[in-house]
């Protein structure tokens, strides 16, 4: 794990961590409301590889009202970020009926697409993940 973080920008604490997380979402053209974070301990990003990590004190469940979708964010979230895409995502699950399949990839085009490890893709309007949703 440590080798993936080598050479990364690291921000500690909720304020600074949140600023870095939001600036990364902006930089890579991803919706600001995608990561509703609480009590952030650390956010890091390695520009060379696109590796990003977020550590928070507790698991967060967020309901995206516009699409009635409950999403769970673990205490540690990791993934590789590039323009309009997060790959190899870990620590995020979206409730489907009674199951919580992990979300492994998020891509943004005219709509936003969530892909699970099971190969299921769900598509939603990008506006559903705007800041404050």
C-alpha atoms as a PDB file:
ATOM      1  CA  UNK A   1       0.000   0.000   0.000  1.00  0.00           C
ATOM      2  CA  UNK A   2       2.713   2.485   0.972  1.00  0.00           C
ATOM      3  CA  UNK A   3       4.461   2.097  -2.404  1.00  0.00           C
ATOM      4  CA  UNK A   4       1.278   3.212  -4.203  1.00  0.00           C
ATOM      5  CA  UNK A   5       1.242   6.400  -2.091  1.00  0.00           C
ATOM      6  CA  UNK A   6       4.895   7.270  -2.740  1.00  0.00           C
ATOM      7  CA  UNK A   7       5.395  10.767  -4.151  1.00  0.00           C
ATOM      8  CA  UNK A   8       1.805  11.705  -3.426  1.00  0.00           C
ATOM      9  CA  UNK A   9       0.281  14.965  -2.244  1.00  0.00           C
ATOM     10  CA  UNK A  10      -1.244  14.337   1.193  1.00  0.00           C
ATOM     11  CA  UNK A  11      -3.682  16.573   3.055  1.00  0.00           C
ATOM     12  CA  UNK A  12      -4.616  15.819   6.657  1.00  0.00           C
ATOM     13  CA  UNK A  13      -7.755  16.876   8.481  1.00  0.00           C
ATOM     14  CA  UNK A  14     -11.295  17.390   7.271  1.00  0.00           C
ATOM     15  CA  UNK A  15     -10.980  20.918   5.814  1.00  0.00           C
ATOM     16  CA  UNK A  16      -7.764  20.360   3.866  1.00  0.00           C
ATOM     17  CA  UNK A  17      -8.681  16.806   2.853  1.00  0.00           C
ATOM     18  CA  UNK A  18     -12.078  17.862   1.566  1.00  0.00           C
ATOM     19  CA  UNK A  19     -10.515  20.720  -0.431  1.00  0.00           C
ATOM     20  CA  UNK A  20      -8.112  18.281  -2.115  1.00  0.00           C
ATOM     21  CA  UNK A  21     -10.890  15.735  -2.817  1.00  0.00           C
ATOM     22  CA  UNK A  22     -13.115  18.413  -4.411  1.00  0.00           C
ATOM     23  CA  UNK A  23     -10.247  19.893  -6.428  1.00  0.00           C
ATOM     24  CA  UNK A  24      -9.500  16.388  -7.793  1.00  0.00           C
ATOM     25  CA  UNK A  25     -13.162  15.873  -8.752  1.00  0.00           C
ATOM     26  CA  UNK A  26     -13.095  19.258 -10.539  1.00  0.00           C
ATOM     27  CA  UNK A  27      -9.753  18.623 -12.242  1.00  0.00           C
ATOM     28  CA  UNK A  28     -10.933  15.278 -13.634  1.00  0.00           C
ATOM     29  CA  UNK A  29     -14.421  16.550 -14.560  1.00  0.00           C
ATOM     30  CA  UNK A  30     -16.270  14.383 -12.045  1.00  0.00           C
ATOM     31  CA  UNK A  31     -19.403  15.612 -10.188  1.00  0.00           C
ATOM     32  CA  UNK A  32     -18.626  17.325  -6.858  1.00  0.00           C
ATOM     33  CA  UNK A  33     -21.338  15.441  -4.984  1.00  0.00           C
ATOM     34  CA  UNK A  34     -19.834  12.049  -5.848  1.00  0.00           C
ATOM     35  CA  UNK A  35     -17.973  11.804  -2.536  1.00  0.00           C
ATOM     36  CA  UNK A  36     -20.109  13.031   0.379  1.00  0.00           C
ATOM     37  CA  UNK A  37     -17.336  12.815   2.966  1.00  0.00           C
ATOM     38  CA  UNK A  38     -17.529  13.287   6.734  1.00  0.00           C
ATOM     39  CA  UNK A  39     -14.741  13.558   9.306  1.00  0.00           C
ATOM     40  CA  UNK A  40     -11.900  13.170   6.806  1.00  0.00           C
ATOM     41  CA  UNK A  41      -8.575  12.107   8.314  1.00  0.00           C
ATOM     42  CA  UNK A  42      -6.464  12.077   5.152  1.00  0.00           C
ATOM     43  CA  UNK A  43      -6.760  12.527   1.387  1.00  0.00           C
ATOM     44  CA  UNK A  44      -3.901  11.757  -0.950  1.00  0.00           C
ATOM     45  CA  UNK A  45      -3.173  11.745  -4.658  1.00  0.00           C
ATOM     46  CA  UNK A  46      -0.214  10.582  -6.759  1.00  0.00           C
ATOM     47  CA  UNK A  47      -0.168  12.625  -9.977  1.00  0.00           C
ATOM     48  CA  UNK A  48       2.078  10.157 -11.906  1.00  0.00           C
ATOM     49  CA  UNK A  49      -0.256   7.161 -11.458  1.00  0.00           C
ATOM     50  CA  UNK A  50      -3.628   8.787 -10.688  1.00  0.00           C
ATOM     51  CA  UNK A  51      -3.830   6.816  -7.427  1.00  0.00           C
ATOM     52  CA  UNK A  52      -6.114   8.497  -4.895  1.00  0.00           C
ATOM     53  CA  UNK A  53      -7.011   7.562  -1.330  1.00  0.00           C
ATOM     54  CA  UNK A  54      -9.403   8.936   1.248  1.00  0.00           C
ATOM     55  CA  UNK A  55      -9.505   7.963   4.910  1.00  0.00           C
ATOM     56  CA  UNK A  56     -12.413   9.023   7.134  1.00  0.00           C
ATOM     57  CA  UNK A  57     -13.192   8.278  10.790  1.00  0.00           C
ATOM     58  CA  UNK A  58     -16.404   6.376  10.077  1.00  0.00           C
ATOM     59  CA  UNK A  59     -18.370   4.734   7.301  1.00  0.00           C
ATOM     60  CA  UNK A  60     -20.801   7.162   5.605  1.00  0.00           C
ATOM     61  CA  UNK A  61     -24.132   6.206   4.044  1.00  0.00           C
ATOM     62  CA  UNK A  62     -25.540   8.820   1.714  1.00  0.00           C
ATOM     63  CA  UNK A  63     -28.908   8.838  -0.010  1.00  0.00           C
ATOM     64  CA  UNK A  64     -28.868  10.506  -3.425  1.00  0.00           C
ATOM     65  CA  UNK A  65     -32.457  11.781  -3.333  1.00  0.00           C
ATOM     66  CA  UNK A  66     -32.873  12.570  -7.037  1.00  0.00           C
ATOM     67  CA  UNK A  67     -32.315   8.908  -7.953  1.00  0.00           C
ATOM     68  CA  UNK A  68     -33.342   7.301  -4.610  1.00  0.00           C
ATOM     69  CA  UNK A  69     -30.015   5.528  -4.340  1.00  0.00           C
ATOM     70  CA  UNK A  70     -28.308   4.679  -1.051  1.00  0.00           C
ATOM     71  CA  UNK A  71     -24.511   4.576  -1.300  1.00  0.00           C
ATOM     72  CA  UNK A  72     -22.083   3.415   1.394  1.00  0.00           C
ATOM     73  CA  UNK A  73     -18.579   4.910   1.675  1.00  0.00           C
ATOM     74  CA  UNK A  74     -16.133   2.882   3.783  1.00  0.00           C
ATOM     75  CA  UNK A  75     -13.556   4.377   6.149  1.00  0.00           C
ATOM     76  CA  UNK A  76     -10.970   3.922   3.391  1.00  0.00           C
ATOM     77  CA  UNK A  77     -11.694   4.644  -0.275  1.00  0.00           C
ATOM     78  CA  UNK A  78      -9.073   4.102  -2.972  1.00  0.00           C
ATOM     79  CA  UNK A  79      -8.976   4.214  -6.752  1.00  0.00           C
ATOM     80  CA  UNK A  80      -7.231   5.479  -9.848  1.00  0.00           C
ATOM     81  CA  UNK A  81      -8.557   8.782 -11.181  1.00  0.00           C
ATOM     82  CA  UNK A  82      -8.281  10.110 -14.713  1.00  0.00           C
ATOM     83  CA  UNK A  83     -10.412  12.420 -16.855  1.00  0.00           C
ATOM     84  CA  UNK A  84     -14.118  11.552 -16.290  1.00  0.00           C
ATOM     85  CA  UNK A  85     -13.158   8.150 -14.835  1.00  0.00           C
ATOM     86  CA  UNK A  86     -12.369   6.367 -11.554  1.00  0.00           C
ATOM     87  CA  UNK A  87     -11.052   2.805 -11.979  1.00  0.00           C
ATOM     88  CA  UNK A  88     -10.220   0.022  -9.500  1.00  0.00           C
ATOM     89  CA  UNK A  89     -12.415   1.793  -6.977  1.00  0.00           C
ATOM     90  CA  UNK A  90     -12.531   0.216  -3.513  1.00  0.00           C
ATOM     91  CA  UNK A  91     -14.605   1.189  -0.480  1.00  0.00           C
ATOM     92  CA  UNK A  92     -17.822   2.293  -2.244  1.00  0.00           C
ATOM     93  CA  UNK A  93     -21.018   0.203  -2.410  1.00  0.00           C
ATOM     94  CA  UNK A  94     -24.453   1.039  -3.815  1.00  0.00           C
ATOM     95  CA  UNK A  95     -27.565  -0.634  -2.485  1.00  0.00           C
ATOM     96  CA  UNK A  96     -29.402  -2.781  -5.043  1.00  0.00           C
ATOM     97  CA  UNK A  97     -32.561  -4.336  -3.642  1.00  0.00           C
ATOM     98  CA  UNK A  98     -31.193  -6.243  -0.606  1.00  0.00           C
ATOM     99  CA  UNK A  99     -27.575  -6.424  -1.794  1.00  0.00           C
ATOM    100  CA  UNK A 100     -24.623  -4.026  -1.497  1.00  0.00           C
ATOM    101  CA  UNK A 101     -22.449  -4.753  -4.563  1.00  0.00           C
ATOM    102  CA  UNK A 102     -19.107  -2.888  -4.561  1.00  0.00           C
ATOM    103  CA  UNK A 103     -18.744  -0.175  -7.197  1.00  0.00           C
ATOM    104  CA  UNK A 104     -15.490  -0.786  -9.079  1.00  0.00           C
ATOM    105  CA  UNK A 105     -15.640   1.920 -11.743  1.00  0.00           C
ATOM    106  CA  UNK A 106     -17.332   5.268 -12.294  1.00  0.00           C
ATOM    107  CA  UNK A 107     -17.299   6.966 -15.696  1.00  0.00           C
ATOM    108  CA  UNK A 108     -18.883  10.215 -16.791  1.00  0.00           C
ATOM    109  CA  UNK A 109     -20.160  11.061 -20.250  1.00  0.00           C
ATOM    110  CA  UNK A 110     -23.540  12.594 -21.022  1.00  0.00           C
ATOM    111  CA  UNK A 111     -24.657  10.347 -18.124  1.00  0.00           C
ATOM    112  CA  UNK A 112     -22.774   8.834 -15.180  1.00  0.00           C
ATOM    113  CA  UNK A 113     -22.117   5.078 -15.211  1.00  0.00           C
ATOM    114  CA  UNK A 114     -21.392   2.920 -12.148  1.00  0.00           C
ATOM    115  CA  UNK A 115     -19.894  -0.489 -12.827  1.00  0.00           C
ATOM    116  CA  UNK A 116     -19.763  -3.237 -10.201  1.00  0.00           C
ATOM    117  CA  UNK A 117     -17.345  -6.153 -10.003  1.00  0.00           C
ATOM    118  CA  UNK A 118     -20.275  -8.385 -10.940  1.00  0.00           C
ATOM    119  CA  UNK A 119     -20.322  -6.629 -14.319  1.00  0.00           C
ATOM    120  CA  UNK A 120     -23.562  -4.761 -13.623  1.00  0.00           C
ATOM    121  CA  UNK A 121     -23.634  -1.184 -14.914  1.00  0.00           C
ATOM    122  CA  UNK A 122     -26.107   1.399 -13.661  1.00  0.00           C
ATOM    123  CA  UNK A 123     -26.581   4.714 -15.447  1.00  0.00           C
ATOM    124  CA  UNK A 124     -27.930   7.935 -13.932  1.00  0.00           C
ATOM    125  CA  UNK A 125     -28.206  11.621 -14.815  1.00  0.00           C
ATOM    126  CA  UNK A 126     -24.987  13.451 -13.875  1.00  0.00           C
ATOM    127  CA  UNK A 127     -27.068  16.157 -12.078  1.00  0.00           C
ATOM    128  CA  UNK A 128     -28.002  13.572  -9.406  1.00  0.00           C
ATOM    129  CA  UNK A 129     -24.404  13.843  -8.129  1.00  0.00           C
ATOM    130  CA  UNK A 130     -24.047  17.631  -8.148  1.00  0.00           C
ATOM    131  CA  UNK A 131     -22.738  19.234  -4.957  1.00  0.00           C
ATOM    132  CA  UNK A 132     -25.378  19.277  -2.242  1.00  0.00           C
ATOM    133  CA  UNK A 133     -27.518  16.451  -3.633  1.00  0.00           C
END
